[in-house]
Amino acid sequence: MRAGGEVARVYFCQVHSAFSQPKLALGGFTRVQLQAGESSQVALEVPSQRLRYRDTVQQRYVVGPGDYEILIGAAADDIRLKLPLTVTAL
C-alpha cells in the first residue's frame, strides 16, 4: 500500500420516476489524502436542489416526491453503500 488520494462520491437516482432521468446523477464529491493503510470518515452535504430535474410540462425545475436511492462509492461502478431516501414534499 502507498499513500495517495481517494475521491468519495455520492450519487442518487429516483427509483420510480414519471419522467425520464439519468440512471445515476452525481450529488457531490470530496477528495481526501490518505497515508498507507489509513482510513478516514468524510461528510458530504447534498442540497435538495441536486435532486431536481426539468419538468417540461410545468416548464420549471422540480424535485419529484417518491423513493430515491443514495449511492456512495469511489466511482459509479464502485458503489460501496446504498441508502434509501423518501422525499414527501419540498
C-alpha atoms as a PDB file:
ATOM      1  CA  MET A   1       0.000   0.000   0.000  1.00  0.00           C
ATOM      2  CA  ARG A   2       1.038   3.556  -0.695  1.00  0.00           C
ATOM      3  CA  ALA A   3      -0.077   6.998   0.351  1.00  0.00           C
ATOM      4  CA  GLY A   4      -2.399   8.688  -2.100  1.00  0.00           C
ATOM      5  CA  GLY A   5      -5.679  10.391  -2.787  1.00  0.00           C
ATOM      6  CA  GLU A   6      -9.173   8.946  -2.859  1.00  0.00           C
ATOM      7  CA  VAL A   7     -12.333  10.593  -4.138  1.00  0.00           C
ATOM      8  CA  ALA A   8     -15.554   9.816  -2.263  1.00  0.00           C
ATOM      9  CA  ARG A   9     -18.604  10.318  -4.477  1.00  0.00           C
ATOM     10  CA  VAL A  10     -22.320  10.494  -3.690  1.00  0.00           C
ATOM     11  CA  TYR A  11     -24.731   9.524  -6.458  1.00  0.00           C
ATOM     12  CA  PHE A  12     -28.514   9.368  -6.438  1.00  0.00           C
ATOM     13  CA  CYS A  13     -31.362   8.086  -8.538  1.00  0.00           C
ATOM     14  CA  GLN A  14     -35.128   8.236  -8.258  1.00  0.00           C
ATOM     15  CA  VAL A  15     -36.448   4.671  -8.014  1.00  0.00           C
ATOM     16  CA  HIS A  16     -39.700   5.149  -9.967  1.00  0.00           C
ATOM     17  CA  SER A  17     -39.861   8.425 -11.834  1.00  0.00           C
ATOM     18  CA  ALA A  18     -42.726   9.634 -14.002  1.00  0.00           C
ATOM     19  CA  PHE A  19     -40.142  11.452 -16.143  1.00  0.00           C
ATOM     20  CA  SER A  20     -37.041  10.312 -17.969  1.00  0.00           C
ATOM     21  CA  GLN A  21     -34.000  10.815 -15.760  1.00  0.00           C
ATOM     22  CA  PRO A  22     -30.381   9.661 -15.744  1.00  0.00           C
ATOM     23  CA  LYS A  23     -29.699   6.218 -14.290  1.00  0.00           C
ATOM     24  CA  LEU A  24     -27.322   7.857 -11.775  1.00  0.00           C
ATOM     25  CA  ALA A  25     -26.628  11.505 -11.052  1.00  0.00           C
ATOM     26  CA  LEU A  26     -23.652  12.865  -9.144  1.00  0.00           C
ATOM     27  CA  GLY A  27     -24.764  14.636  -5.975  1.00  0.00           C
ATOM     28  CA  GLY A  28     -21.349  15.596  -4.648  1.00  0.00           C
ATOM     29  CA  PHE A  29     -17.780  14.515  -4.086  1.00  0.00           C
ATOM     30  CA  THR A  30     -14.710  15.231  -1.986  1.00  0.00           C
ATOM     31  CA  ARG A  31     -11.060  14.268  -2.240  1.00  0.00           C
ATOM     32  CA  VAL A  32      -9.100  13.002   0.753  1.00  0.00           C
ATOM     33  CA  GLN A  33      -5.398  12.272   1.108  1.00  0.00           C
ATOM     34  CA  LEU A  34      -4.566   9.064   2.956  1.00  0.00           C
ATOM     35  CA  GLN A  35      -1.384   7.516   4.219  1.00  0.00           C
ATOM     36  CA  ALA A  36      -0.699   3.842   3.535  1.00  0.00           C
ATOM     37  CA  GLY A  37      -3.202   1.707   5.500  1.00  0.00           C
ATOM     38  CA  GLU A  38      -5.124   4.754   6.738  1.00  0.00           C
ATOM     39  CA  SER A  39      -8.895   5.181   6.518  1.00  0.00           C
ATOM     40  CA  SER A  40     -10.985   8.280   7.020  1.00  0.00           C
ATOM     41  CA  GLN A  41     -14.575   9.353   7.516  1.00  0.00           C
ATOM     42  CA  VAL A  42     -15.891  12.149   5.328  1.00  0.00           C
ATOM     43  CA  ALA A  43     -19.089  14.168   5.427  1.00  0.00           C
ATOM     44  CA  LEU A  44     -20.777  15.453   2.298  1.00  0.00           C
ATOM     45  CA  GLU A  45     -23.837  17.651   2.104  1.00  0.00           C
ATOM     46  CA  VAL A  46     -26.125  17.087  -0.863  1.00  0.00           C
ATOM     47  CA  PRO A  47     -28.530  20.028  -1.190  1.00  0.00           C
ATOM     48  CA  SER A  48     -32.089  19.114  -2.180  1.00  0.00           C
ATOM     49  CA  GLN A  49     -31.655  21.204  -5.344  1.00  0.00           C
ATOM     50  CA  ARG A  50     -29.330  18.485  -6.674  1.00  0.00           C
ATOM     51  CA  LEU A  51     -32.332  16.113  -6.832  1.00  0.00           C
ATOM     52  CA  ARG A  52     -34.255  18.376  -9.171  1.00  0.00           C
ATOM     53  CA  TYR A  53     -34.954  17.846 -12.835  1.00  0.00           C
ATOM     54  CA  ARG A  54     -36.530  19.921 -15.575  1.00  0.00           C
ATOM     55  CA  ASP A  55     -40.287  19.317 -15.828  1.00  0.00           C
ATOM     56  CA  THR A  56     -41.058  20.117 -19.461  1.00  0.00           C
ATOM     57  CA  VAL A  57     -44.810  20.247 -18.816  1.00  0.00           C
ATOM     58  CA  GLN A  58     -44.575  22.808 -15.999  1.00  0.00           C
ATOM     59  CA  GLN A  59     -41.512  24.472 -17.593  1.00  0.00           C
ATOM     60  CA  ARG A  60     -39.597  24.602 -14.321  1.00  0.00           C
ATOM     61  CA  TYR A  61     -37.226  22.599 -12.168  1.00  0.00           C
ATOM     62  CA  VAL A  62     -38.839  20.316  -9.600  1.00  0.00           C
ATOM     63  CA  VAL A  63     -37.858  17.704  -7.039  1.00  0.00           C
ATOM     64  CA  GLY A  64     -40.245  14.827  -7.542  1.00  0.00           C
ATOM     65  CA  PRO A  65     -41.688  13.182  -4.449  1.00  0.00           C
ATOM     66  CA  GLY A  66     -41.032   9.492  -4.098  1.00  0.00           C
ATOM     67  CA  ASP A  67     -38.323   6.982  -3.319  1.00  0.00           C
ATOM     68  CA  TYR A  68     -34.695   7.673  -4.112  1.00  0.00           C
ATOM     69  CA  GLU A  69     -31.550   5.694  -3.621  1.00  0.00           C
ATOM     70  CA  ILE A  70     -28.365   7.341  -2.363  1.00  0.00           C
ATOM     71  CA  LEU A  71     -25.228   5.532  -3.543  1.00  0.00           C
ATOM     72  CA  ILE A  72     -21.780   6.165  -2.079  1.00  0.00           C
ATOM     73  CA  GLY A  73     -18.523   4.957  -3.543  1.00  0.00           C
ATOM     74  CA  ALA A  74     -15.254   5.682  -5.272  1.00  0.00           C
ATOM     75  CA  ALA A  75     -16.871   5.659  -8.742  1.00  0.00           C
ATOM     76  CA  ALA A  76     -20.193   4.885 -10.432  1.00  0.00           C
ATOM     77  CA  ASP A  77     -19.007   1.318 -10.982  1.00  0.00           C
ATOM     78  CA  ASP A  78     -17.556   1.032  -7.447  1.00  0.00           C
ATOM     79  CA  ILE A  79     -20.562   1.627  -5.167  1.00  0.00           C
ATOM     80  CA  ARG A  80     -19.858   0.633  -1.562  1.00  0.00           C
ATOM     81  CA  LEU A  81     -23.021   1.754   0.235  1.00  0.00           C
ATOM     82  CA  LYS A  82     -26.679   2.187  -0.774  1.00  0.00           C
ATOM     83  CA  LEU A  83     -29.170   4.109   1.347  1.00  0.00           C
ATOM     84  CA  PRO A  84     -32.913   4.656   0.834  1.00  0.00           C
ATOM     85  CA  LEU A  85     -34.381   8.172   0.838  1.00  0.00           C
ATOM     86  CA  THR A  86     -38.035   9.171   0.596  1.00  0.00           C
ATOM     87  CA  VAL A  87     -38.980  12.682  -0.484  1.00  0.00           C
ATOM     88  CA  THR A  88     -42.503  13.679   0.554  1.00  0.00           C
ATOM     89  CA  ALA A  89     -42.568  17.409  -0.278  1.00  0.00           C
ATOM     90  CA  LEU A  90     -40.236  20.359  -0.585  1.00  0.00           C
END
